Amino acid sequence: MSTHRYIDASDIKANVAKGFELEEYIEEANDEVEDVAQQVGVYDPDDIEINPLHYKIKRYAVSFCIMRLCQDKIGTNNVDIAELDKYMIQYNLYKKEYEKLRTEITIEMVTGNINEIRDRASVSSGWIFRG
């Protein structure tokens, strides 16, 4: 269980999550932030920059949270088919965002050590010369 809070209920704006108790999913998402930090080389949660938490890391955690909620709702036997479809569609959307964001998170984003604009992009551009 994470000792830090990276997201809370106020960060979850998705309509699909309205009316549900989200604390368990938020705790999982906070743990997920620490897991992805370790994957990029940040092993101490105190080294994760939270003021502010990088936007993509926050979106990653929110996507994970909603994805997990939908995953549980899909597995519930007492929902009708229309609701099941709703949760399945939302699950797939948030899973896609979660997977995309995971590939973009860097150690610099986690630690907040983005000093140059080139640290923010995953691609570099060459010099442009005018003649």
Protein backbone atom coordinates (compact mmCIF):
# COMPACT_ATOMS: atom_id res chain seq x y z
CA MET A 1 0.00 0.00 0.00
CA SER A 2 1.32 3.37 -1.06
CA THR A 3 2.37 5.82 1.61
CA HIS A 4 1.80 8.77 -0.71
CA ARG A 5 -1.32 10.17 -2.38
CA TYR A 6 -0.84 11.01 -6.04
CA ILE A 7 -4.51 11.24 -6.98
CA ASP A 8 -7.73 11.53 -5.02
CA ALA A 9 -11.46 11.45 -5.77
CA SER A 10 -11.43 15.04 -7.03
CA ASP A 11 -9.15 13.96 -9.90
CA ILE A 12 -11.71 11.44 -11.20
CA LYS A 13 -14.01 13.35 -13.54
CA ALA A 14 -15.31 10.50 -15.74
CA ASN A 15 -19.09 10.07 -15.78
CA VAL A 16 -18.70 6.29 -15.64
CA ALA A 17 -17.19 6.63 -12.14
CA LYS A 18 -19.91 8.89 -10.69
CA GLY A 19 -21.75 7.40 -7.75
CA PHE A 20 -19.18 4.71 -6.96
CA GLU A 21 -16.93 4.40 -3.96
CA LEU A 22 -13.50 4.88 -5.52
CA GLU A 23 -11.13 4.76 -2.55
CA GLU A 24 -9.98 1.18 -3.20
CA TYR A 25 -9.27 1.99 -6.85
CA ILE A 26 -7.50 5.21 -5.92
CA GLU A 27 -5.24 3.27 -3.55
CA GLU A 28 -4.44 0.82 -6.35
CA ALA A 29 -3.69 3.74 -8.69
CA ASN A 30 -1.39 5.32 -6.11
CA ASP A 31 0.45 2.01 -5.84
CA GLU A 32 0.62 1.89 -9.64
CA VAL A 33 2.36 5.30 -9.71
CA GLU A 34 5.06 3.94 -7.41
CA ASP A 35 5.34 0.80 -9.53
CA VAL A 36 5.86 2.77 -12.75
CA ALA A 37 8.35 5.01 -10.93
CA GLN A 38 10.36 1.91 -10.01
CA GLN A 39 10.19 0.70 -13.61
CA VAL A 40 11.88 3.91 -14.80
CA GLY A 41 14.47 3.84 -12.00
CA VAL A 42 12.96 5.79 -9.08
CA TYR A 43 12.91 3.42 -6.12
CA ASP A 44 12.19 5.82 -3.26
CA PRO A 45 8.62 7.20 -3.26
CA ASP A 46 9.98 10.36 -1.63
CA ASP A 47 11.82 11.08 -4.90
CA ILE A 48 8.54 11.27 -6.85
CA GLU A 49 7.79 14.93 -7.52
CA ILE A 50 4.24 15.66 -6.39
CA ASN A 51 4.24 19.47 -6.40
CA PRO A 52 3.05 19.26 -9.03
CA LEU A 53 2.75 15.67 -10.14
CA HIS A 54 3.47 15.56 -13.87
CA TYR A 55 0.26 15.72 -15.89
CA LYS A 56 0.91 12.46 -17.74
CA ILE A 57 1.57 10.59 -14.51
CA LYS A 58 -1.67 11.93 -13.04
CA ARG A 59 -3.57 10.92 -16.23
CA TYR A 60 -1.89 7.50 -16.03
CA ALA A 61 -3.12 7.02 -12.46
CA VAL A 62 -6.64 8.26 -13.27
CA SER A 63 -6.81 5.98 -16.32
CA PHE A 64 -5.70 3.04 -14.21
CA CYS A 65 -8.30 3.86 -11.56
CA ILE A 66 -11.21 4.04 -14.01
CA MET A 67 -9.96 1.01 -15.94
CA ARG A 68 -9.98 -1.04 -12.71
CA LEU A 69 -13.47 0.18 -11.78
CA CYS A 70 -14.79 -0.84 -15.21
CA GLN A 71 -12.97 -4.15 -15.01
CA ASP A 72 -14.76 -4.95 -11.76
CA LYS A 73 -18.12 -3.84 -13.16
CA ILE A 74 -17.66 -6.09 -16.20
CA GLY A 75 -17.11 -9.00 -13.83
CA THR A 76 -20.30 -8.25 -11.86
CA ASN A 77 -23.15 -10.66 -12.55
CA ASN A 78 -25.99 -8.34 -11.59
CA VAL A 79 -25.64 -5.76 -14.38
CA ASP A 80 -27.76 -5.80 -17.51
CA ILE A 81 -26.24 -6.13 -20.98
CA ALA A 82 -26.45 -2.40 -21.76
CA GLU A 83 -24.49 -1.56 -18.61
CA LEU A 84 -22.02 -4.32 -19.35
CA ASP A 85 -21.42 -2.80 -22.80
CA LYS A 86 -20.98 0.64 -21.26
CA TYR A 87 -18.31 -0.62 -18.88
CA MET A 88 -16.62 -2.69 -21.58
CA ILE A 89 -16.36 0.32 -23.90
CA GLN A 90 -15.01 2.54 -21.11
CA TYR A 91 -12.60 -0.17 -19.99
CA ASN A 92 -11.16 -0.45 -23.50
CA LEU A 93 -10.82 3.35 -23.86
CA TYR A 94 -9.07 3.80 -20.53
CA LYS A 95 -6.89 0.73 -21.01
CA LYS A 96 -5.67 2.15 -24.32
CA GLU A 97 -4.88 5.51 -22.67
CA TYR A 98 -3.19 3.75 -19.73
CA GLU A 99 -0.97 1.70 -22.06
CA LYS A 100 -0.08 4.72 -24.21
CA LEU A 101 0.82 6.87 -21.21
CA ARG A 102 2.94 4.08 -19.72
CA THR A 103 5.23 4.19 -22.75
CA GLU A 104 5.63 7.97 -22.38
CA ILE A 105 6.51 8.20 -18.68
CA THR A 106 10.18 8.94 -18.07
CA ILE A 107 12.41 9.23 -15.03
CA GLU A 108 12.51 12.99 -15.63
CA MET A 109 8.72 13.18 -15.38
CA VAL A 110 8.72 11.17 -12.16
CA THR A 111 11.45 13.20 -10.47
CA GLY A 112 10.40 16.55 -11.90
CA ASN A 113 13.87 17.11 -13.35
CA ILE A 114 12.79 18.38 -16.75
CA ASN A 115 15.24 21.18 -17.38
CA GLU A 116 15.20 21.48 -21.12
CA ILE A 117 12.42 21.42 -23.65
CA ARG A 118 14.01 18.43 -25.38
CA ASP A 119 13.49 16.41 -22.17
CA ARG A 120 9.74 16.79 -22.71
CA ALA A 121 9.62 15.25 -26.17
CA SER A 122 10.22 11.67 -27.15
CA VAL A 123 11.57 12.69 -30.53
CA SER A 124 14.35 15.06 -31.42
CA SER A 125 14.46 17.38 -34.36
CA GLY A 126 17.42 18.42 -36.45
CA TRP A 127 18.59 21.91 -37.12
CA ILE A 128 16.65 23.90 -39.65
CA PHE A 129 18.75 26.10 -41.92
CA ARG A 130 17.44 28.86 -44.09
CA GLY A 131 19.33 29.74 -47.19
